[in-house]
Amino acid sequence: MKYFRALHCPTRWEIIRFIGEGEKTTGEIFEALEGPKGHVSRPNLYYHLSELEEAGIIELAAYKETGGGAPEKVWRLKAKEIKINLLKEDQRR
């Protein structure tokens, strides 16, 4: 069920596709999603990243020094594929 919850949102699919190109900082992800539509706020982005991380789809790769503030998180895909069992454990037979 964790995958369903994490993947139900189109914004999270955008994040996955962007990070799939290579490791990205939180700022880079924000800029990519902001675009002409401007549909993601920073708090909203942090929430999406947290949900994807909790589901085991992305992971923290490193911290990048930004020169003055707190280090910025760098994200990468943890899994390029996931397997989803559509039946409960006892219903697989």
C-alpha atoms as a PDB file:
ATOM      1  CA  MET A   1       0.000   0.000   0.000  1.00  0.00           C
ATOM      2  CA  LYS A   2       2.949   2.346   0.553  1.00  0.00           C
ATOM      3  CA  TYR A   3       3.541   2.537  -3.204  1.00  0.00           C
ATOM      4  CA  PHE A   4      -0.067   3.399  -3.969  1.00  0.00           C
ATOM      5  CA  ARG A   5       0.018   6.239  -1.494  1.00  0.00           C
ATOM      6  CA  ALA A   6       3.358   7.516  -2.748  1.00  0.00           C
ATOM      7  CA  LEU A   7       2.569   7.263  -6.451  1.00  0.00           C
ATOM      8  CA  HIS A   8      -1.003   8.554  -6.614  1.00  0.00           C
ATOM      9  CA  CYS A   9       0.086  12.123  -7.315  1.00  0.00           C
ATOM     10  CA  PRO A  10       1.236  13.339 -10.771  1.00  0.00           C
ATOM     11  CA  THR A  11       3.733  15.720  -9.140  1.00  0.00           C
ATOM     12  CA  ARG A  12       5.552  12.764  -7.604  1.00  0.00           C
ATOM     13  CA  TRP A  13       5.831  11.125 -11.029  1.00  0.00           C
ATOM     14  CA  GLU A  14       7.424  14.344 -12.301  1.00  0.00           C
ATOM     15  CA  ILE A  15       9.909  14.200  -9.428  1.00  0.00           C
ATOM     16  CA  ILE A  16      10.724  10.552 -10.176  1.00  0.00           C
ATOM     17  CA  ARG A  17      11.297  11.264 -13.879  1.00  0.00           C
ATOM     18  CA  PHE A  18      13.530  14.244 -13.081  1.00  0.00           C
ATOM     19  CA  ILE A  19      15.613  12.401 -10.478  1.00  0.00           C
ATOM     20  CA  GLY A  20      15.787   9.459 -12.884  1.00  0.00           C
ATOM     21  CA  GLU A  21      18.023  11.602 -15.102  1.00  0.00           C
ATOM     22  CA  GLY A  22      20.611  11.693 -12.305  1.00  0.00           C
ATOM     23  CA  GLU A  23      21.069  12.957  -8.761  1.00  0.00           C
ATOM     24  CA  LYS A  24      19.364  16.294  -8.138  1.00  0.00           C
ATOM     25  CA  THR A  25      19.346  18.784  -5.293  1.00  0.00           C
ATOM     26  CA  THR A  26      16.127  19.896  -3.666  1.00  0.00           C
ATOM     27  CA  GLY A  27      16.626  23.294  -5.307  1.00  0.00           C
ATOM     28  CA  GLU A  28      17.026  21.787  -8.763  1.00  0.00           C
ATOM     29  CA  ILE A  29      13.856  19.761  -8.293  1.00  0.00           C
ATOM     30  CA  PHE A  30      12.000  22.853  -7.115  1.00  0.00           C
ATOM     31  CA  GLU A  31      13.142  24.852 -10.150  1.00  0.00           C
ATOM     32  CA  ALA A  32      12.145  22.045 -12.525  1.00  0.00           C
ATOM     33  CA  LEU A  33       8.672  21.794 -11.019  1.00  0.00           C
ATOM     34  CA  GLU A  34       8.148  25.508 -10.616  1.00  0.00           C
ATOM     35  CA  GLY A  35       8.269  26.141 -14.380  1.00  0.00           C
ATOM     36  CA  PRO A  36       5.631  28.255 -16.089  1.00  0.00           C
ATOM     37  CA  LYS A  37       2.815  26.672 -14.079  1.00  0.00           C
ATOM     38  CA  GLY A  38       4.430  27.326 -10.689  1.00  0.00           C
ATOM     39  CA  HIS A  39       2.415  24.506  -9.183  1.00  0.00           C
ATOM     40  CA  VAL A  40       4.671  23.481  -6.283  1.00  0.00           C
ATOM     41  CA  SER A  41       5.580  25.464  -3.189  1.00  0.00           C
ATOM     42  CA  ARG A  42       8.689  24.582  -1.190  1.00  0.00           C
ATOM     43  CA  PRO A  43       6.717  23.103   1.735  1.00  0.00           C
ATOM     44  CA  ASN A  44       4.678  21.085  -0.749  1.00  0.00           C
ATOM     45  CA  LEU A  45       7.870  19.812  -2.424  1.00  0.00           C
ATOM     46  CA  TYR A  46       9.325  18.740   0.928  1.00  0.00           C
ATOM     47  CA  TYR A  47       6.138  16.800   1.607  1.00  0.00           C
ATOM     48  CA  HIS A  48       6.324  15.013  -1.765  1.00  0.00           C
ATOM     49  CA  LEU A  49      10.000  14.160  -1.281  1.00  0.00           C
ATOM     50  CA  SER A  50       9.272  12.834   2.195  1.00  0.00           C
ATOM     51  CA  GLU A  51       6.473  10.585   0.922  1.00  0.00           C
ATOM     52  CA  LEU A  52       8.673   9.200  -1.876  1.00  0.00           C
ATOM     53  CA  GLU A  53      11.545   8.624   0.547  1.00  0.00           C
ATOM     54  CA  GLU A  54       9.278   6.907   3.084  1.00  0.00           C
ATOM     55  CA  ALA A  55       8.037   4.549   0.361  1.00  0.00           C
ATOM     56  CA  GLY A  56      11.628   3.643  -0.530  1.00  0.00           C
ATOM     57  CA  ILE A  57      11.435   5.100  -4.034  1.00  0.00           C
ATOM     58  CA  ILE A  58      14.035   7.843  -3.578  1.00  0.00           C
ATOM     59  CA  GLU A  59      16.840   8.283  -1.085  1.00  0.00           C
ATOM     60  CA  LEU A  60      19.155  10.944   0.232  1.00  0.00           C
ATOM     61  CA  ALA A  61      22.421  10.629  -1.705  1.00  0.00           C
ATOM     62  CA  ALA A  62      24.451  13.423  -0.120  1.00  0.00           C
ATOM     63  CA  TYR A  63      24.474  16.946   1.207  1.00  0.00           C
ATOM     64  CA  LYS A  64      25.750  19.788  -0.960  1.00  0.00           C
ATOM     65  CA  GLU A  65      27.292  22.850   0.653  1.00  0.00           C
ATOM     66  CA  THR A  66      25.569  25.987  -0.584  1.00  0.00           C
ATOM     67  CA  GLY A  67      27.972  28.533   0.851  1.00  0.00           C
ATOM     68  CA  GLY A  68      26.259  30.283   3.696  1.00  0.00           C
ATOM     69  CA  GLY A  69      23.230  28.334   4.736  1.00  0.00           C
ATOM     70  CA  ALA A  70      22.350  24.824   5.653  1.00  0.00           C
ATOM     71  CA  PRO A  71      23.616  22.131   3.265  1.00  0.00           C
ATOM     72  CA  GLU A  72      21.177  21.199   0.518  1.00  0.00           C
ATOM     73  CA  LYS A  73      19.955  17.626   0.162  1.00  0.00           C
ATOM     74  CA  VAL A  74      20.856  15.688  -2.975  1.00  0.00           C
ATOM     75  CA  TRP A  75      18.348  13.003  -4.023  1.00  0.00           C
ATOM     76  CA  ARG A  76      18.579   9.883  -6.187  1.00  0.00           C
ATOM     77  CA  LEU A  77      16.290   7.037  -7.159  1.00  0.00           C
ATOM     78  CA  LYS A  78      16.545   4.141  -4.764  1.00  0.00           C
ATOM     79  CA  ALA A  79      14.675   1.767  -7.062  1.00  0.00           C
ATOM     80  CA  LYS A  80      14.137   1.960 -10.801  1.00  0.00           C
ATOM     81  CA  GLU A  81      11.482  -0.741 -10.635  1.00  0.00           C
ATOM     82  CA  ILE A  82       8.990  -1.798  -8.015  1.00  0.00           C
ATOM     83  CA  LYS A  83       6.897  -4.923  -7.783  1.00  0.00           C
ATOM     84  CA  ILE A  84       3.360  -4.548  -6.519  1.00  0.00           C
ATOM     85  CA  ASN A  85       1.301  -7.497  -5.332  1.00  0.00           C
ATOM     86  CA  LEU A  86      -2.315  -6.659  -6.065  1.00  0.00           C
ATOM     87  CA  LEU A  87      -3.627  -9.380  -3.775  1.00  0.00           C
ATOM     88  CA  LYS A  88      -3.248  -9.831  -0.058  1.00  0.00           C
ATOM     89  CA  GLU A  89      -0.657 -12.348   1.064  1.00  0.00           C
ATOM     90  CA  ASP A  90      -3.206 -15.095   1.766  1.00  0.00           C
ATOM     91  CA  GLN A  91      -5.029 -14.562  -1.573  1.00  0.00           C
ATOM     92  CA  ARG A  92      -2.089 -15.280  -3.927  1.00  0.00           C
ATOM     93  CA  ARG A  93      -2.885 -18.955  -4.403  1.00  0.00           C
END
